[in-house]
C-alpha atoms as a PDB file:
ATOM      1  CA  MET A   1     -11.812   6.157  -3.822  1.00  0.00           C
ATOM      2  CA  LYS A   2     -12.888   7.411  -7.232  1.00  0.00           C
ATOM      3  CA  LYS A   3     -15.162  10.025  -5.645  1.00  0.00           C
ATOM      4  CA  PHE A   4     -12.331  11.469  -3.499  1.00  0.00           C
ATOM      5  CA  TYR A   5      -9.810  11.317  -6.353  1.00  0.00           C
ATOM      6  CA  ASN A   6     -12.172  13.124  -8.715  1.00  0.00           C
ATOM      7  CA  ALA A   7     -12.912  15.796  -6.093  1.00  0.00           C
ATOM      8  CA  ILE A   8      -9.198  16.590  -5.779  1.00  0.00           C
ATOM      9  CA  ALA A   9      -8.773  16.476  -9.577  1.00  0.00           C
ATOM     10  CA  GLU A  10     -11.599  19.027  -9.787  1.00  0.00           C
ATOM     11  CA  PHE A  11      -9.780  21.208  -7.205  1.00  0.00           C
ATOM     12  CA  HIS A  12      -6.577  21.027  -9.292  1.00  0.00           C
ATOM     13  CA  ALA A  13      -8.482  21.963 -12.466  1.00  0.00           C
ATOM     14  CA  LYS A  14     -10.399  24.803 -10.781  1.00  0.00           C
ATOM     15  CA  ASN A  15      -7.146  26.316  -9.528  1.00  0.00           C
ATOM     16  CA  GLU A  16      -5.293  25.714 -12.813  1.00  0.00           C
ATOM     17  CA  MET A  17      -2.455  23.810 -11.158  1.00  0.00           C
ATOM     18  CA  LYS A  18      -1.329  21.983 -14.308  1.00  0.00           C
ATOM     19  CA  GLY A  19       2.220  23.011 -15.181  1.00  0.00           C
ATOM     20  CA  THR A  20       2.705  25.214 -12.097  1.00  0.00           C
ATOM     21  CA  ASN A  21       4.849  24.874  -8.993  1.00  0.00           C
ATOM     22  CA  ASN A  22       1.747  23.395  -7.330  1.00  0.00           C
ATOM     23  CA  GLU A  23       2.520  20.165  -9.185  1.00  0.00           C
ATOM     24  CA  GLU A  24       6.241  20.197  -8.412  1.00  0.00           C
ATOM     25  CA  MET A  25       7.011  17.294  -6.061  1.00  0.00           C
ATOM     26  CA  THR A  26       9.536  19.093  -3.838  1.00  0.00           C
ATOM     27  CA  PHE A  27       6.955  21.802  -3.192  1.00  0.00           C
ATOM     28  CA  ARG A  28       4.298  19.164  -2.520  1.00  0.00           C
ATOM     29  CA  LEU A  29       6.629  17.264  -0.178  1.00  0.00           C
ATOM     30  CA  ASN A  30       7.109  20.469   1.803  1.00  0.00           C
ATOM     31  CA  LEU A  31       3.325  20.856   2.034  1.00  0.00           C
ATOM     32  CA  MET A  32       3.005  17.272   3.262  1.00  0.00           C
ATOM     33  CA  THR A  33       5.728  17.838   5.855  1.00  0.00           C
ATOM     34  CA  GLU A  34       3.871  20.906   7.108  1.00  0.00           C
ATOM     35  CA  GLU A  35       0.587  18.993   7.311  1.00  0.00           C
ATOM     36  CA  LEU A  36       2.254  16.042   9.041  1.00  0.00           C
ATOM     37  CA  GLY A  37       3.568  18.516  11.618  1.00  0.00           C
ATOM     38  CA  GLU A  38       0.033  19.801  12.140  1.00  0.00           C
ATOM     39  CA  LEU A  39      -1.184  16.216  12.606  1.00  0.00           C
ATOM     40  CA  ALA A  40       1.618  15.611  15.113  1.00  0.00           C
ATOM     41  CA  GLN A  41       0.496  18.691  17.043  1.00  0.00           C
ATOM     42  CA  ALA A  42      -3.105  17.492  17.031  1.00  0.00           C
ATOM     43  CA  VAL A  43      -1.941  14.202  18.575  1.00  0.00           C
ATOM     44  CA  THR A  44       0.704  15.448  20.998  1.00  0.00           C
ATOM     45  CA  LYS A  45      -1.286  18.437  22.222  1.00  0.00           C
ATOM     46  CA  GLY A  46      -4.462  16.432  22.727  1.00  0.00           C
ATOM     47  CA  LYS A  47      -6.517  18.406  20.216  1.00  0.00           C
ATOM     48  CA  SER A  48     -10.054  17.357  19.368  1.00  0.00           C
ATOM     49  CA  LYS A  49     -11.085  14.387  17.285  1.00  0.00           C
ATOM     50  CA  GLU A  50     -12.329  16.856  14.667  1.00  0.00           C
ATOM     51  CA  ASP A  51      -8.869  18.457  14.452  1.00  0.00           C
ATOM     52  CA  PHE A  52      -7.300  14.999  14.144  1.00  0.00           C
ATOM     53  CA  ILE A  53      -9.689  14.081  11.320  1.00  0.00           C
ATOM     54  CA  GLU A  54      -9.114  17.392   9.523  1.00  0.00           C
ATOM     55  CA  GLU A  55      -5.328  17.003   9.571  1.00  0.00           C
ATOM     56  CA  ASN A  56      -5.581  13.456   8.195  1.00  0.00           C
ATOM     57  CA  ILE A  57      -7.884  14.683   5.431  1.00  0.00           C
ATOM     58  CA  ASP A  58      -5.372  17.419   4.573  1.00  0.00           C
ATOM     59  CA  LEU A  59      -2.724  14.706   4.133  1.00  0.00           C
ATOM     60  CA  MET A  60      -5.064  12.507   2.105  1.00  0.00           C
ATOM     61  CA  ASN A  61      -5.886  15.440  -0.179  1.00  0.00           C
ATOM     62  CA  LEU A  62      -2.188  16.090  -0.747  1.00  0.00           C
ATOM     63  CA  ILE A  63      -1.473  12.420  -1.440  1.00  0.00           C
ATOM     64  CA  LEU A  64      -4.252  12.240  -4.014  1.00  0.00           C
ATOM     65  CA  GLY A  65      -2.989  15.528  -5.445  1.00  0.00           C
ATOM     66  CA  ASN A  66       0.471  13.981  -5.790  1.00  0.00           C
ATOM     67  CA  MET A  67      -0.982  11.226  -7.940  1.00  0.00           C
ATOM     68  CA  ILE A  68      -2.920  13.706 -10.057  1.00  0.00           C
ATOM     69  CA  SER A  69       0.134  15.951 -10.414  1.00  0.00           C
ATOM     70  CA  ILE A  70       2.247  13.208 -11.971  1.00  0.00           C
ATOM     71  CA  GLY A  71      -0.570  11.912 -14.159  1.00  0.00           C
ATOM     72  CA  VAL A  72      -1.554   8.752 -12.293  1.00  0.00           C
ATOM     73  CA  SER A  73      -5.117   7.845 -13.239  1.00  0.00           C
ATOM     74  CA  VAL A  74      -7.663   6.831 -10.641  1.00  0.00           C
ATOM     75  CA  GLU A  75      -7.610   3.324 -12.141  1.00  0.00           C
ATOM     76  CA  GLU A  76      -3.809   3.103 -11.766  1.00  0.00           C
ATOM     77  CA  PHE A  77      -4.079   4.390  -8.200  1.00  0.00           C
ATOM     78  CA  GLU A  78      -6.763   1.860  -7.255  1.00  0.00           C
ATOM     79  CA  LYS A  79      -4.832  -1.021  -8.847  1.00  0.00           C
ATOM     80  CA  ALA A  80      -1.660  -0.034  -6.968  1.00  0.00           C
ATOM     81  CA  PHE A  81      -3.637   0.415  -3.731  1.00  0.00           C
ATOM     82  CA  TRP A  82      -5.126  -3.094  -3.877  1.00  0.00           C
ATOM     83  CA  LYS A  83      -1.776  -4.631  -4.859  1.00  0.00           C
ATOM     84  CA  LYS A  84      -0.169  -3.041  -1.784  1.00  0.00           C
ATOM     85  CA  HIS A  85      -3.153  -3.974   0.378  1.00  0.00           C
ATOM     86  CA  GLU A  86      -2.802  -7.624  -0.628  1.00  0.00           C
ATOM     87  CA  LYS A  87       0.898  -7.464   0.259  1.00  0.00           C
ATOM     88  CA  ILE A  88       0.331  -5.978   3.726  1.00  0.00           C
ATOM     89  CA  MET A  89      -2.520  -8.373   4.441  1.00  0.00           C
ATOM     90  CA  SER A  90      -0.102 -11.281   3.955  1.00  0.00           C
ATOM     91  CA  ARG A  91       2.283 -10.012   6.644  1.00  0.00           C
ATOM     92  CA  GLU A  92       2.557 -11.554  10.073  1.00  0.00           C
ATOM     93  CA  LYS A  93       2.027  -9.511  13.224  1.00  0.00           C
ATOM     94  CA  ARG A  94       5.199  -9.639  15.317  1.00  0.00           C
ATOM     95  CA  LYS A  95       5.706  -8.842  18.952  1.00  0.00           C
ATOM     96  CA  LEU A  96       8.578  -6.450  19.569  1.00  0.00           C
ATOM     97  CA  GLU A  97      10.908  -6.597  22.574  1.00  0.00           C
ATOM     98  CA  ASN A  98       9.038  -3.788  24.342  1.00  0.00           C
ATOM     99  CA  GLY A  99       5.760  -5.706  24.188  1.00  0.00           C
ATOM    100  CA  ASN A 100       4.342  -3.696  21.286  1.00  0.00           C
ATOM    101  CA  PHE A 101       3.346  -5.202  17.973  1.00  0.00           C
ATOM    102  CA  ARG A 102       4.325  -4.335  14.432  1.00  0.00           C
ATOM    103  CA  VAL A 103       2.975  -5.438  11.077  1.00  0.00           C
ATOM    104  CA  SER A 104       5.609  -4.566   8.454  1.00  0.00           C
ATOM    105  CA  GLU A 105       8.596  -5.917   6.585  1.00  0.00           C
ATOM    106  CA  PHE A 106      10.815  -4.327   9.241  1.00  0.00           C
ATOM    107  CA  LYS A 107      12.960  -6.873  11.037  1.00  0.00           C
ATOM    108  CA  ASN A 108      14.508  -6.167  14.431  1.00  0.00           C
END
């Protein structure tokens, strides 16, 4: 993860985002909403695997940028990631009424 995080940190530095609206979370949330819409289109319109991958990478870049924008270090991010991963790995897979499965804290 460090390699990806540092690449996005380099992008932020190159474009002098520190202290600009590019680090403002409402602005960034709007960007993420736009990118999520593009991912939804890639899925619902049957676009290529490459388009699907690209839209997911756009979201990943924004998420890492969110962390950088609020000053979360790569070490903090990795620690939080593994803490959350441990939590989700302890969850049980549950069958929903419609025959699908869900792995979350959501209770129906």
